Every structure is written in structure tokens, then in C-alpha cells.
Amino acid sequence: MATGPAPVTVTTRLTDDLSGVQQWLVQFNSPSSTQFVQVFGTTGLIAGTTSNGTFQGTSQVPQFAEAGIFSLASFSRIKNFMIPTFQAVQLHRFMGSGRTTPALCGCEDENGKLVGEFVVKLRGGLDRNVTGLAAELVATQLATYFGIPVPAPALVSIDAEFADLVALSFPEKSKRIRDSIGLNFGSRQLSDVIIWPVDKAIPEAMLQTAVSIFAFDALIENPDRKFSPNPNLFIRGDTIFVFDHEVAFSFIEDIFPSTTPWKLDRGNYLSDHVFFKQLKGKDIDLSTFTNRLELLSDTEISKIMAEVPNEWNNSNLSRIRGHLSAVASQSALFAEEIRRRLV
């Protein structure tokens, strides 16, 4: 997919003699299971009725996706969220010594089958609590929409029994883990990746992804992809993964929000971005990102927002929704602002 995103179409027959089919989801995983493509139908009916009919949905395999055959991972009716929900059953370790200190947990699905290890952002360790979790989820799904690789996300449930066991082994973390009972945000643990070295030059094969990441961070007002030893980027070969978006949508903290959010005149966070110095002065191609931004309709935004669990919902979500809708409506002006900042 070096020349651009490639479309994928799924056609299926579904039946539901009670309420009718409303939403459905097919997920294909890459050969290493570190990337995925989701085809979402709402409803996508092309023949028959919602009770017994043929449905069709389309999506895209992002540019520079992992080579190989993407295999069918799941096919499901959507009643609540597209993102899977797993149960934390093993604590392998706490990661790092910073403010948030995520937990590396072994998880299982609703059938008790182990599904692997996930880096879990604990709501009890986030300054923004559930708003930070919602920011993680929305940003991760937006990145996927723009074709930017991310570790596969999940909602990770922590129950009281698990929290008590962790508190016994790590008494200094007892309050944090008990304050995290409920749903938390998880990202699948990736293997064979390294953190982007702070002094690394952007290879030609990664340049377009770097441009998209810079524009993406401008869109979500993410001040945490800094020129620092940990810019919240993983690399594997020529693939760049973005992660850690709990402080994205920083405009939430503003008392007087901007009425023109497509104008990039607030703060210096873009000047501190890990890619700023290397992209500055370059003739960058924003066409792919701008086209996707223009297509970010209120319907697409609603699909993403519908995935946020009720227990994370608060007034900040409407501000995020309004911000995304406003910038998408001025996609060409937003692209010009990106170019202006990089002159």
C-alpha cells in the first residue's frame, strides 16, 4: 500500500427477527496482529430488509500497512461498542515510575479465553480521570481513521477481586488500583518495537506518515508528542505507531475555548513536536490527510463517540465532538495553517 490507502468492501447476509439489524462490524487483523482494519455497517442494507437482508460496508487499508494477508478476526453485531471489552486477570508489572504508571495486564474475553497482554491506563492514575480515558479512546480511533498505525485498543475491566489481589502485592498502589475498578483503556502490548530515537532522521519511507502524525496531533491538540527521550512513538521497520493520548484535546482545559479551532495560534506545542524541526521548511504533502479530514462527517464522529462507555461520558465529549466537526468543516484552512507553522 505504498501508493495510498486501498478500499475494502464486505458484503454479508444477516438476520434479526426481533429488532432488525442496526449496526455490524467486521475486523481483519494483519499477519502480526498488531494492525487491524474494521468495516462498519450502519446499516448498509443493499437488498431485503433489516430483519433478513444483504448488507455491505466499506473501509480502507491504510497506506504503508503491514504487508501480507489480513485475516478475518471477528464478525459481530454491534449493540454498544466496536472496541472489545476484556477482563484483567493477571498483573505482570507496573510500567515506569511516572505519574500515570500504567499496568501490563494479562486479559481474557467473556468466554474466559486468554487474549494476550495489554498496557492498561488506570483511571485512578490519570489527572483527568475518565476524561483522560475518553481522550485515549477517541484519539486512537481517529488515528485509525486517518490511517495512522496504533496498538490495537480494548476496554479493560478491573473488578474488586482483582484490585484487592494487586493491592496485597503492591500496597503502595492500592489506592490507584482500587480507584480504577470499572472500565479502563488498554492497548495491546507490541513486540519487536523500539521507541523513536529523539535524534533520528525521518527516512523517506516514513516521511508521509510523519506528516500525517504532525497534522493529527495538531487536530487533537496533543502537547505530549515532544522532542524528548519518549515522544510516544514506536517503530518497527518502516512502521510508526502512535500511542499515549490521555492529555490530547487540551482545549478542554480552556475557560474560553476558541471559536476558530482550525487556526493553529494557541500555544507552542507544535514547535515542541518531535517532527517539527525535520518537517520545517519541507514541501509537505497534506492531500491524503486533508481529504480524510474533509470526509470526517458528523456521522463518522458519532460512530467514534458511540464507543465511549457511559461511565466515561461527561460534558467534555460534546466539546471534543464540536471541535472535530468545526475543524473538519474548514479542512482546507486547517491544512494551510499546518503549512504556515512549518514555513
Protein backbone atom coordinates (compact mmCIF):
# COMPACT_ATOMS: atom_id res chain seq x y z
CA MET A 1 0.00 0.00 0.00
CA ALA A 2 2.89 2.36 -0.67
CA THR A 3 0.90 4.46 -3.15
CA GLY A 4 -2.06 5.22 -0.88
CA PRO A 5 -4.96 3.69 1.06
CA ALA A 6 -6.78 0.78 -0.61
CA PRO A 7 -10.54 0.22 -0.31
CA VAL A 8 -12.01 -2.95 1.15
CA THR A 9 -15.68 -3.94 0.84
CA VAL A 10 -17.56 -6.56 2.85
CA THR A 11 -20.90 -8.00 1.72
CA THR A 12 -22.83 -10.27 4.10
CA ARG A 13 -26.29 -11.66 4.80
CA LEU A 14 -27.68 -11.04 8.30
CA THR A 15 -30.97 -11.80 10.02
CA ASP A 16 -32.67 -10.46 13.14
CA ASP A 17 -36.38 -11.17 13.51
CA LEU A 18 -36.73 -9.07 16.68
CA SER A 19 -35.35 -5.53 16.32
CA GLY A 20 -33.70 -5.85 12.92
CA VAL A 21 -30.02 -5.36 12.14
CA GLN A 22 -28.87 -1.85 13.03
CA GLN A 23 -25.07 -1.94 13.19
CA TRP A 24 -22.44 -4.57 12.48
CA LEU A 25 -18.67 -4.84 12.48
CA VAL A 26 -16.06 -6.98 10.75
CA GLN A 27 -12.43 -6.83 11.86
CA PHE A 28 -9.44 -8.10 9.89
CA ASN A 29 -6.07 -8.45 11.62
CA SER A 30 -2.68 -8.06 9.99
CA PRO A 31 -0.28 -11.05 9.86
CA SER A 32 1.36 -10.00 13.15
CA SER A 33 -2.00 -8.95 14.72
CA THR A 34 -0.59 -5.51 15.50
CA GLN A 35 -2.73 -3.70 12.92
CA PHE A 36 -6.37 -4.09 12.07
CA VAL A 37 -8.96 -2.90 9.60
CA GLN A 38 -12.57 -2.55 10.67
CA VAL A 39 -15.54 -2.46 8.31
CA PHE A 40 -18.54 -0.87 9.99
CA GLY A 41 -22.10 -1.00 8.69
CA THR A 42 -24.95 1.34 9.75
CA THR A 43 -26.90 -0.43 8.37
CA GLY A 44 -25.51 -0.82 4.85
CA LEU A 45 -28.65 -2.64 3.65
CA ILE A 46 -28.47 -3.27 -0.13
CA ALA A 47 -31.16 -5.95 -0.52
CA GLY A 48 -34.02 -7.40 1.51
CA THR A 49 -34.99 -5.99 4.90
CA THR A 50 -33.19 -5.27 8.17
CA SER A 51 -34.79 -8.47 9.50
CA ASN A 52 -33.42 -10.61 6.68
CA GLY A 53 -31.20 -8.92 4.15
CA THR A 54 -27.87 -8.39 2.45
CA PHE A 55 -25.61 -5.72 3.91
CA GLN A 56 -22.50 -4.02 2.65
CA GLY A 57 -19.84 -1.85 4.26
CA THR A 58 -16.57 -0.31 3.14
CA SER A 59 -13.36 0.81 4.77
CA GLN A 60 -9.73 1.35 3.83
CA VAL A 61 -6.45 -0.45 4.36
CA PRO A 62 -4.19 2.47 5.32
CA GLN A 63 -1.17 3.50 3.30
CA PHE A 64 2.01 1.72 4.44
CA ALA A 65 0.00 -1.00 6.19
CA GLU A 66 1.83 -4.18 7.10
CA ALA A 67 2.42 -6.40 4.08
CA GLY A 68 0.65 -9.74 3.84
CA ILE A 69 -2.85 -11.18 4.13
CA PHE A 70 -5.18 -9.60 6.69
CA SER A 71 -7.29 -12.44 8.10
CA LEU A 72 -10.83 -12.34 9.46
CA ALA A 73 -10.62 -11.86 13.22
CA SER A 74 -14.22 -11.19 14.20
CA PHE A 75 -17.70 -10.59 12.83
CA SER A 76 -20.29 -9.22 15.20
CA ARG A 77 -23.49 -7.31 15.62
CA ILE A 78 -22.86 -4.01 17.38
CA LYS A 79 -25.05 -3.22 20.34
CA ASN A 80 -22.70 -0.97 22.29
CA PHE A 81 -19.06 -0.58 21.25
CA MET A 82 -16.85 -1.63 18.38
CA ILE A 83 -13.85 -1.89 20.68
CA PRO A 84 -13.74 -5.24 22.51
CA THR A 85 -14.07 -5.47 26.28
CA PHE A 86 -11.72 -7.77 28.18
CA GLN A 87 -11.23 -8.67 31.82
CA ALA A 88 -7.90 -8.11 33.59
CA VAL A 89 -6.92 -11.40 35.24
CA GLN A 90 -3.13 -11.13 35.64
CA LEU A 91 -0.87 -8.26 36.64
CA HIS A 92 2.57 -8.71 35.11
CA ARG A 93 4.03 -5.41 36.30
CA PHE A 94 3.54 -1.70 36.63
CA MET A 95 5.31 0.17 33.87
CA GLY A 96 7.58 3.14 34.54
CA SER A 97 7.68 5.41 37.54
CA GLY A 98 5.85 8.45 36.22
CA ARG A 99 2.52 9.99 37.15
CA THR A 100 0.28 7.57 35.32
CA THR A 101 2.18 4.27 35.81
CA PRO A 102 0.08 2.03 33.53
CA ALA A 103 -0.23 -1.66 34.31
CA LEU A 104 0.74 -4.51 31.99
CA CYS A 105 -2.10 -6.98 32.39
CA GLY A 106 -2.97 -10.38 31.01
CA CYS A 107 -6.59 -10.32 29.88
CA GLU A 108 -9.31 -12.74 28.93
CA ASP A 109 -12.52 -12.43 26.93
CA GLU A 110 -16.08 -13.10 28.05
CA ASN A 111 -15.56 -16.82 27.45
CA GLY A 112 -12.54 -16.99 29.74
CA LYS A 113 -10.06 -17.30 26.88
CA LEU A 114 -6.75 -15.52 27.32
CA VAL A 115 -6.38 -12.83 24.68
CA GLY A 116 -2.88 -11.55 25.45
CA GLU A 117 -1.21 -8.68 27.26
CA PHE A 118 -2.49 -5.13 27.34
CA VAL A 119 -0.97 -1.91 28.62
CA VAL A 120 -3.79 -0.58 30.79
CA LYS A 121 -4.18 3.12 31.56
CA LEU A 122 -5.64 3.12 35.06
CA ARG A 123 -8.35 5.71 35.61
CA GLY A 124 -7.15 6.07 39.21
CA GLY A 125 -3.76 7.22 37.95
CA LEU A 126 -4.88 9.89 35.48
CA ASP A 127 -5.15 13.56 36.38
CA ARG A 128 -8.15 13.82 34.04
CA ASN A 129 -9.66 10.53 35.22
CA VAL A 130 -12.36 9.33 32.81
CA THR A 131 -11.82 12.32 30.50
CA GLY A 132 -8.26 11.04 30.01
CA LEU A 133 -9.60 7.59 29.18
CA ALA A 134 -12.10 9.03 26.70
CA ALA A 135 -9.32 11.10 25.10
CA GLU A 136 -7.26 7.92 24.68
CA LEU A 137 -10.12 6.06 23.03
CA VAL A 138 -11.26 8.86 20.72
CA ALA A 139 -7.71 9.72 19.64
CA THR A 140 -6.88 6.07 18.95
CA GLN A 141 -9.94 5.63 16.76
CA LEU A 142 -9.25 8.91 14.97
CA ALA A 143 -5.69 7.78 14.25
CA THR A 144 -7.08 4.60 12.70
CA TYR A 145 -9.50 6.69 10.63
CA PHE A 146 -6.55 8.69 9.27
CA GLY A 147 -4.54 5.54 8.52
CA ILE A 148 -2.01 6.07 11.32
CA PRO A 149 -0.99 2.78 12.99
CA VAL A 150 -1.86 2.28 16.66
CA PRO A 151 -1.60 -0.66 19.06
CA ALA A 152 -4.97 -2.44 18.98
CA PRO A 153 -7.24 -0.87 21.63
CA ALA A 154 -9.56 -2.52 24.15
CA LEU A 155 -11.71 -1.66 27.12
CA VAL A 156 -10.21 -3.46 30.11
CA SER A 157 -12.42 -4.18 33.10
CA ILE A 158 -10.92 -4.34 36.58
CA ASP A 159 -13.10 -5.87 39.29
CA ALA A 160 -12.84 -5.58 43.06
CA GLU A 161 -11.33 -9.05 43.49
CA PHE A 162 -8.51 -8.30 41.05
CA ALA A 163 -7.92 -4.89 42.67
CA ASP A 164 -7.66 -6.45 46.14
CA LEU A 165 -5.11 -9.02 44.94
CA VAL A 166 -2.98 -6.31 43.33
CA ALA A 167 -3.24 -4.16 46.47
CA LEU A 168 -1.89 -7.05 48.56
CA SER A 169 1.19 -7.39 46.34
CA PHE A 170 1.68 -3.66 45.77
CA PRO A 171 0.34 -1.82 48.82
CA GLU A 172 1.77 1.47 47.54
CA LYS A 173 -0.53 1.14 44.52
CA SER A 174 -3.62 0.09 46.48
CA LYS A 175 -5.49 3.38 46.16
CA ARG A 176 -4.70 3.72 42.48
CA ILE A 177 -5.85 0.21 41.58
CA ARG A 178 -9.00 0.39 43.72
CA ASP A 179 -9.86 3.77 42.20
CA SER A 180 -9.62 2.02 38.81
CA ILE A 181 -12.38 -0.53 39.37
CA GLY A 182 -14.54 -0.49 36.27
CA LEU A 183 -13.57 0.08 32.65
CA ASN A 184 -10.09 1.32 31.75
CA PHE A 185 -8.35 1.93 28.43
CA GLY A 186 -5.98 -0.74 27.17
CA SER A 187 -3.58 -1.07 24.24
CA ARG A 188 -2.21 -4.39 23.08
CA GLN A 189 1.42 -4.85 24.08
CA LEU A 190 3.56 -4.73 20.95
CA SER A 191 6.65 -6.85 20.40
CA ASP A 192 9.75 -6.10 18.36
CA VAL A 193 9.29 -2.33 18.57
CA ILE A 194 11.56 0.44 19.80
CA ILE A 195 10.83 3.98 20.95
CA TRP A 196 11.55 6.57 18.27
CA PRO A 197 15.11 7.82 18.99
CA VAL A 198 14.98 11.54 19.66
CA ASP A 199 17.77 12.34 17.18
CA LYS A 200 16.54 10.00 14.43
CA ALA A 201 16.26 11.49 10.95
CA ILE A 202 12.95 10.77 9.23
CA PRO A 203 13.60 8.18 6.49
CA GLU A 204 11.93 8.81 3.14
CA ALA A 205 9.73 5.73 3.63
CA MET A 206 8.36 7.23 6.87
CA LEU A 207 8.05 10.85 5.76
CA GLN A 208 4.39 10.77 4.75
CA THR A 209 3.40 9.05 7.99
CA ALA A 210 5.38 11.65 9.95
CA VAL A 211 3.48 14.43 8.13
CA SER A 212 0.17 12.77 8.97
CA ILE A 213 1.16 12.36 12.62
CA PHE A 214 2.13 16.04 12.87
CA ALA A 215 -1.22 17.08 11.34
CA PHE A 216 -3.07 14.57 13.54
CA ASP A 217 -1.51 15.98 16.72
CA ALA A 218 -2.44 19.47 15.57
CA LEU A 219 -6.03 18.31 15.06
CA ILE A 220 -6.34 16.73 18.51
CA GLU A 221 -4.24 19.43 20.20
CA ASN A 222 -1.86 16.88 21.66
CA PRO A 223 1.05 18.53 23.53
CA ASP A 224 2.66 15.23 24.53
CA ARG A 225 4.48 14.14 21.33
CA LYS A 226 7.50 16.18 22.26
CA PHE A 227 11.10 16.26 21.12
CA SER A 228 12.16 14.19 24.12
CA PRO A 229 13.52 10.74 25.02
CA ASN A 230 9.94 9.43 24.95
CA PRO A 231 7.88 11.02 22.16
CA ASN A 232 5.14 8.38 22.44
CA LEU A 233 6.08 6.74 19.17
CA PHE A 234 7.07 3.15 18.46
CA ILE A 235 8.76 2.00 15.29
CA ARG A 236 9.00 -1.43 13.72
CA GLY A 237 10.76 -1.43 10.37
CA ASP A 238 9.20 1.45 8.42
CA THR A 239 6.02 1.50 10.50
CA ILE A 240 5.40 4.22 13.09
CA PHE A 241 2.85 3.59 15.85
CA VAL A 242 1.34 6.41 17.90
CA PHE A 243 0.18 5.92 21.48
CA ASP A 244 -0.49 7.74 24.76
CA HIS A 245 -3.17 10.38 24.16
CA GLU A 246 -4.54 10.97 27.66
CA VAL A 247 -3.72 14.71 27.52
CA ALA A 248 -4.96 15.21 23.95
CA PHE A 249 -7.77 17.68 23.28
CA SER A 250 -6.00 20.13 25.57
CA PHE A 251 -8.55 22.83 24.70
CA ILE A 252 -10.80 21.13 27.27
CA GLU A 253 -8.84 22.97 29.95
CA ASP A 254 -9.55 26.40 28.41
CA ILE A 255 -12.05 28.63 30.15
CA PHE A 256 -12.73 30.46 26.90
CA PRO A 257 -12.48 27.97 24.02
CA SER A 258 -11.52 29.16 20.55
CA THR A 259 -14.30 29.96 18.11
CA THR A 260 -11.91 29.18 15.21
CA PRO A 261 -10.22 25.91 16.27
CA TRP A 262 -8.80 25.34 12.77
CA LYS A 263 -6.41 28.24 13.37
CA LEU A 264 -3.22 26.98 14.98
CA ASP A 265 -2.43 30.06 17.02
CA ARG A 266 -2.72 28.67 20.53
CA GLY A 267 0.38 27.69 22.48
CA ASN A 268 3.77 26.39 21.36
CA TYR A 269 3.09 22.67 21.48
CA LEU A 270 3.59 22.22 17.73
CA SER A 271 7.01 23.89 17.89
CA ASP A 272 7.95 21.31 20.53
CA HIS A 273 6.69 18.40 18.41
CA VAL A 274 9.17 15.59 17.76
CA PHE A 275 8.85 16.06 13.97
CA PHE A 276 8.68 19.87 13.85
CA LYS A 277 12.34 20.63 13.20
CA GLN A 278 12.68 17.99 10.50
CA LEU A 279 9.47 18.96 8.68
CA LYS A 280 10.05 22.69 8.92
CA GLY A 281 10.83 24.18 5.53
CA LYS A 282 9.91 20.99 3.62
CA ASP A 283 7.42 20.87 0.78
CA ILE A 284 4.98 18.53 2.53
CA ASP A 285 2.06 16.66 1.01
CA LEU A 286 -1.09 17.03 3.13
CA SER A 287 -3.55 15.89 0.47
CA THR A 288 -4.32 12.45 1.94
CA PHE A 289 -4.82 13.80 5.46
CA THR A 290 -6.88 16.77 4.25
CA ASN A 291 -9.11 14.55 2.13
CA ARG A 292 -9.83 12.28 5.08
CA LEU A 293 -10.44 15.30 7.32
CA GLU A 294 -12.94 16.71 4.84
CA LEU A 295 -14.78 13.35 4.93
CA LEU A 296 -14.87 13.34 8.74
CA SER A 297 -18.62 13.89 8.83
CA ASP A 298 -20.80 14.20 11.90
CA THR A 299 -21.85 10.61 11.22
CA GLU A 300 -18.24 9.40 11.36
CA ILE A 301 -17.63 11.40 14.54
CA SER A 302 -20.78 9.92 16.07
CA LYS A 303 -19.51 6.39 15.35
CA ILE A 304 -16.38 7.14 17.32
CA MET A 305 -18.20 8.87 20.17
CA ALA A 306 -20.66 5.97 20.42
CA GLU A 307 -17.77 3.75 21.52
CA VAL A 308 -17.14 5.76 24.70
CA PRO A 309 -18.59 3.81 27.65
CA ASN A 310 -21.39 5.51 29.57
CA GLU A 311 -19.27 5.58 32.71
CA TRP A 312 -16.70 7.77 30.92
CA ASN A 313 -19.28 10.14 29.49
CA ASN A 314 -19.24 13.77 30.56
CA SER A 315 -19.65 17.26 29.13
CA ASN A 316 -16.13 17.24 27.70
CA LEU A 317 -17.18 14.78 24.99
CA SER A 318 -19.51 17.33 23.44
CA ARG A 319 -16.62 19.80 23.33
CA ILE A 320 -14.44 17.22 21.58
CA ARG A 321 -17.23 16.48 19.12
CA GLY A 322 -17.76 20.19 18.40
CA HIS A 323 -14.02 20.76 17.91
CA LEU A 324 -13.65 17.91 15.42
CA SER A 325 -16.74 18.96 13.49
CA ALA A 326 -15.60 22.59 13.29
CA VAL A 327 -12.09 21.74 12.07
CA ALA A 328 -13.39 19.21 9.54
CA SER A 329 -15.70 21.86 8.10
CA GLN A 330 -12.63 24.04 7.45
CA SER A 331 -10.23 21.31 6.32
CA ALA A 332 -8.55 23.43 3.61
CA LEU A 333 -7.91 26.30 6.02
CA PHE A 334 -6.57 23.84 8.60
CA ALA A 335 -4.12 22.45 6.03
CA GLU A 336 -2.94 25.96 5.25
CA GLU A 337 -2.38 26.55 8.96
CA ILE A 338 -0.20 23.43 9.12
CA ARG A 339 1.87 24.69 6.20
CA ARG A 340 2.15 28.12 7.77
CA ARG A 341 3.52 26.66 11.00
CA LEU A 342 6.12 24.70 9.02
CA VAL A 343 7.36 27.55 6.82
